[in-house]
Structures are given as C-alpha cells and as structure tokens.
C-alpha cells in the first residue's frame, strides 16, 4: 500500500492529521467516536492506581484507542519509547511504572501536541521523561536502546507502516517488547486511492 502513496499524498495526510490534532491538543472531548479523558482511561481498564497518580488536567487530555499496558509488563528501571505520544499520558504512565531508574521518551510530529505533553509533564514530579519531535518512520535513536516500545492509536495514521515497525524493532533490545494498541480495518480495503487519501487526511 505504501508504494502507491505519492509524496504529495503523504504531505496532504500530514497536514490533515496536524489540523485535527491541533484541536485535540486543546481538548479531545467530542472529537472522537469513543470516550476520551478519564472516562476513556476507565473504559479501557487502565490501572486505577496509575490513573490516580496523574492530575485531572493530564488525564483529561487522554485520547487513546486501547490500553498498551494490558499487553505486558513494564519493569522498574526499563527504558520505554512511546511512538505518537500525543499529550503524553501513556508516556507519563510508563515513566511512573519504570520508576526513577528508568526512562520514558515520547515522540510526535505535531508541535501543539508536544507542547501539551510538556505542559502535562510540568504538572507532575517526574524527572525521567523526554519528549521529542520525530516520525515513527525514522526514529532518532540508536539500535537496541529501549526495553519496551508502546504506541496507542497512531500507527494506523502513518503512511509507511512497514518502515515504522522496522524502526521500532531496530531500537528495541533483542529481548524487548512491542506493545501496540490501534485501530484496524475489518473487511475490504477501498480500491479508490483518492477516496482513501481523502478519508485519511480528514
């Protein structure tokens, strides 16, 4: 699929996604067909104790489609990468679980989302969190750096999914874990490429 997408199409997709997530950075409420904020965290069965570690302003910015932490453990002292961190809620939770001897890094392409993530971080006492502007298709990290890579509702938005998964595996340690929560298509993929791009860029 990726080979059929021109650079112009990729640019349209990026502009469309950025336009939507500029609004999400202010508040995700009412912008999705699923619950967001604290209600979303509770509906997806995040650990209630973990939810309580974060200020209400932080949990209100959550807009994930699943619970990546339900897929496996994060241990104290581990390094975690969050691809498409958005407002940083999952990144902050990962940092809490990993503890002060661990680290959590969140990447995103939307400057406004990263600003919201930094603002959310400032509301906590966490010292083991970093946010960077970067694409999942080309991660700015050395090989075998992370113990865990998480992502929540983002890889479906990235044009070159194969490159993103390859990059995730590259930066993972040999015994690392990839924990992805995302949306996927049930049924046939539409054959009209223009309609697919139009829908993608909405």
Protein backbone atom coordinates (compact mmCIF):
# COMPACT_ATOMS: atom_id res chain seq x y z
CA UNK A 1 0.00 0.00 0.00
CA UNK A 2 2.73 2.48 0.93
CA UNK A 3 4.29 2.30 -2.56
CA UNK A 4 1.07 3.73 -4.07
CA UNK A 5 1.21 6.88 -1.97
CA UNK A 6 2.95 9.85 -3.57
CA UNK A 7 4.87 12.47 -1.62
CA UNK A 8 2.04 14.92 -2.30
CA UNK A 9 -0.41 12.44 -0.78
CA UNK A 10 1.84 12.00 2.25
CA UNK A 11 2.01 15.78 2.65
CA UNK A 12 -1.82 16.00 2.47
CA UNK A 13 -2.18 13.29 5.08
CA UNK A 14 0.28 15.02 7.41
CA UNK A 15 -1.46 18.39 7.02
CA UNK A 16 -4.88 16.81 7.64
CA UNK A 17 -3.72 14.95 10.72
CA UNK A 18 -1.96 18.01 12.11
CA UNK A 19 -5.10 20.11 11.58
CA UNK A 20 -7.16 17.67 13.64
CA UNK A 21 -4.60 17.22 16.40
CA UNK A 22 -4.10 20.94 16.88
CA UNK A 23 -7.69 20.83 18.18
CA UNK A 24 -7.02 17.65 20.18
CA UNK A 25 -4.11 19.41 21.91
CA UNK A 26 -6.62 21.89 23.33
CA UNK A 27 -9.13 19.19 24.32
CA UNK A 28 -10.04 15.81 22.82
CA UNK A 29 -13.61 15.96 24.14
CA UNK A 30 -16.17 15.41 21.38
CA UNK A 31 -13.60 14.87 18.62
CA UNK A 32 -13.71 11.06 18.58
CA UNK A 33 -16.36 8.34 18.44
CA UNK A 34 -15.01 6.76 21.63
CA UNK A 35 -14.64 8.11 25.18
CA UNK A 36 -11.64 10.29 25.94
CA UNK A 37 -10.15 11.76 29.09
CA UNK A 38 -10.57 9.95 32.38
CA UNK A 39 -13.70 8.18 31.06
CA UNK A 40 -11.59 6.73 28.24
CA UNK A 41 -8.90 5.51 30.63
CA UNK A 42 -11.50 3.84 32.81
CA UNK A 43 -13.36 2.29 29.85
CA UNK A 44 -10.09 0.78 28.61
CA UNK A 45 -9.37 -0.61 32.09
CA UNK A 46 -6.20 1.26 32.86
CA UNK A 47 -4.93 0.55 36.38
CA UNK A 48 -6.99 2.81 38.69
CA UNK A 49 -3.94 3.38 40.90
CA UNK A 50 -1.99 4.55 37.88
CA UNK A 51 -4.77 6.90 36.82
CA UNK A 52 -4.76 8.42 40.32
CA UNK A 53 -1.05 9.28 40.06
CA UNK A 54 -1.81 11.87 37.37
CA UNK A 55 -3.51 15.27 37.82
CA UNK A 56 -7.03 15.62 36.43
CA UNK A 57 -5.82 18.10 33.82
CA UNK A 58 -3.46 15.43 32.49
CA UNK A 59 -5.99 12.60 32.36
CA UNK A 60 -8.47 14.95 30.62
CA UNK A 61 -6.11 15.09 27.62
CA UNK A 62 -6.15 11.31 27.01
CA UNK A 63 -7.47 10.13 23.61
CA UNK A 64 -6.13 6.60 23.07
CA UNK A 65 -7.95 3.75 21.32
CA UNK A 66 -6.67 0.98 23.60
CA UNK A 67 -4.56 0.10 26.60
CA UNK A 68 -0.99 -0.84 25.59
CA UNK A 69 -0.15 -1.62 29.22
CA UNK A 70 -2.58 -4.54 29.11
CA UNK A 71 -0.25 -6.33 26.66
CA UNK A 72 2.66 -6.94 29.01
CA UNK A 73 4.67 -5.62 31.93
CA UNK A 74 6.94 -2.63 32.18
CA UNK A 75 9.54 -3.22 34.85
CA UNK A 76 11.33 -0.82 37.15
CA UNK A 77 14.46 0.59 35.56
CA UNK A 78 13.39 -0.06 31.95
CA UNK A 79 13.56 2.38 29.03
CA UNK A 80 10.26 2.94 27.19
CA UNK A 81 9.56 4.65 23.86
CA UNK A 82 6.06 5.94 23.06
CA UNK A 83 5.56 6.37 19.29
CA UNK A 84 2.98 9.09 18.65
CA UNK A 85 2.79 10.20 22.26
CA UNK A 86 0.23 12.96 21.72
CA UNK A 87 -0.44 14.72 25.02
CA UNK A 88 1.91 12.30 26.74
CA UNK A 89 -0.49 10.48 29.07
CA UNK A 90 0.81 6.99 28.23
CA UNK A 91 4.40 8.29 28.33
CA UNK A 92 3.89 9.67 31.82
CA UNK A 93 2.32 6.42 32.98
CA UNK A 94 5.22 4.45 31.52
CA UNK A 95 7.66 6.71 33.37
CA UNK A 96 5.75 6.18 36.61
CA UNK A 97 5.90 2.41 36.22
CA UNK A 98 9.58 2.39 35.19
CA UNK A 99 10.46 4.50 38.21
CA UNK A 100 13.31 6.97 38.70
CA UNK A 101 15.91 4.47 37.47
CA UNK A 102 14.01 4.01 34.20
CA UNK A 103 13.13 6.43 31.42
CA UNK A 104 10.24 7.20 29.11
CA UNK A 105 10.58 9.02 25.80
CA UNK A 106 7.60 10.24 23.78
CA UNK A 107 7.80 11.27 20.13
CA UNK A 108 5.23 13.06 18.00
CA UNK A 109 5.13 15.12 14.78
CA UNK A 110 2.57 17.70 15.93
CA UNK A 111 4.21 20.61 17.74
CA UNK A 112 0.99 21.53 19.54
CA UNK A 113 0.62 18.01 20.95
CA UNK A 114 4.21 18.09 22.16
CA UNK A 115 3.54 21.44 23.83
CA UNK A 116 0.56 19.87 25.61
CA UNK A 117 2.74 16.90 26.60
CA UNK A 118 5.38 19.22 28.07
CA UNK A 119 2.67 21.16 29.92
CA UNK A 120 1.30 17.89 31.30
CA UNK A 121 4.78 16.82 32.39
CA UNK A 122 5.21 20.12 34.24
CA UNK A 123 2.16 19.23 36.35
CA UNK A 124 3.92 16.12 37.68
CA UNK A 125 7.09 15.45 39.70
CA UNK A 126 8.51 13.07 37.08
CA UNK A 127 12.16 13.62 36.15
CA UNK A 128 12.64 10.65 33.81
CA UNK A 129 10.59 11.83 30.81
CA UNK A 130 11.68 13.36 27.50
CA UNK A 131 9.54 14.48 24.57
CA UNK A 132 10.94 14.85 21.04
CA UNK A 133 9.60 15.88 17.65
CA UNK A 134 10.18 12.87 15.40
CA UNK A 135 8.48 10.48 12.98
CA UNK A 136 7.88 6.82 13.66
CA UNK A 137 9.18 6.17 10.15
CA UNK A 138 12.65 7.39 11.15
CA UNK A 139 13.43 7.18 14.85
CA UNK A 140 16.33 9.33 16.13
CA UNK A 141 17.66 6.68 18.49
CA UNK A 142 20.49 4.16 18.46
CA UNK A 143 19.94 0.45 17.91
CA UNK A 144 18.92 -1.74 20.86
CA UNK A 145 18.19 1.18 23.20
CA UNK A 146 14.68 0.51 24.53
CA UNK A 147 13.23 -2.32 26.58
CA UNK A 148 9.67 -1.52 25.51
CA UNK A 149 8.09 0.35 22.60
CA UNK A 150 4.44 1.34 23.02
CA UNK A 151 2.02 3.08 20.66
CA UNK A 152 -1.64 3.94 21.01
CA UNK A 153 -3.85 4.72 18.01
CA UNK A 154 -1.05 6.18 15.90
CA UNK A 155 0.46 3.60 13.55
CA UNK A 156 -2.82 3.45 11.59
CA UNK A 157 -2.22 7.14 10.74
CA UNK A 158 1.37 6.67 9.49
CA UNK A 159 1.69 6.16 5.71
CA UNK A 160 4.70 3.79 5.83
CA UNK A 161 3.71 1.28 8.48
CA UNK A 162 6.37 -1.23 7.44
CA UNK A 163 9.13 1.35 7.98
CA UNK A 164 7.65 2.28 11.37
CA UNK A 165 7.58 -1.32 12.58
CA UNK A 166 11.09 -1.90 11.25
CA UNK A 167 12.33 1.16 13.12
CA UNK A 168 10.56 0.07 16.31
CA UNK A 169 12.27 -3.32 16.14
CA UNK A 170 15.62 -1.66 15.42
CA UNK A 171 15.58 0.47 18.57
CA UNK A 172 14.31 -2.39 20.75
CA UNK A 173 16.75 -4.54 22.65
CA UNK A 174 16.89 -8.19 21.48
CA UNK A 175 14.54 -9.23 24.30
CA UNK A 176 12.44 -6.05 24.09
CA UNK A 177 8.64 -5.89 23.84
CA UNK A 178 6.46 -4.14 21.25
CA UNK A 179 3.06 -3.23 22.74
CA UNK A 180 0.68 -1.60 20.24
CA UNK A 181 -2.96 -0.62 20.68
CA UNK A 182 -4.53 0.55 17.44
CA UNK A 183 -7.47 0.55 15.04
CA UNK A 184 -7.66 -1.78 12.07
CA UNK A 185 -9.93 -2.33 9.11
CA UNK A 186 -12.44 -5.16 9.14
CA UNK A 187 -13.45 -6.06 5.60
CA UNK A 188 -12.14 -4.98 2.22
CA UNK A 189 -9.85 -2.01 1.72
CA UNK A 190 -11.47 0.54 -0.64
CA UNK A 191 -9.88 0.35 -4.08
CA UNK A 192 -10.31 4.04 -4.92
CA UNK A 193 -6.98 5.52 -3.83
CA UNK A 194 -8.22 9.12 -3.95
CA UNK A 195 -11.08 8.34 -1.56
CA UNK A 196 -8.68 6.54 0.77
CA UNK A 197 -6.34 9.53 0.85
CA UNK A 198 -9.26 11.95 1.32
CA UNK A 199 -10.52 9.90 4.28
CA UNK A 200 -7.02 9.58 5.72
CA UNK A 201 -6.45 13.34 5.56
CA UNK A 202 -9.75 14.22 7.27
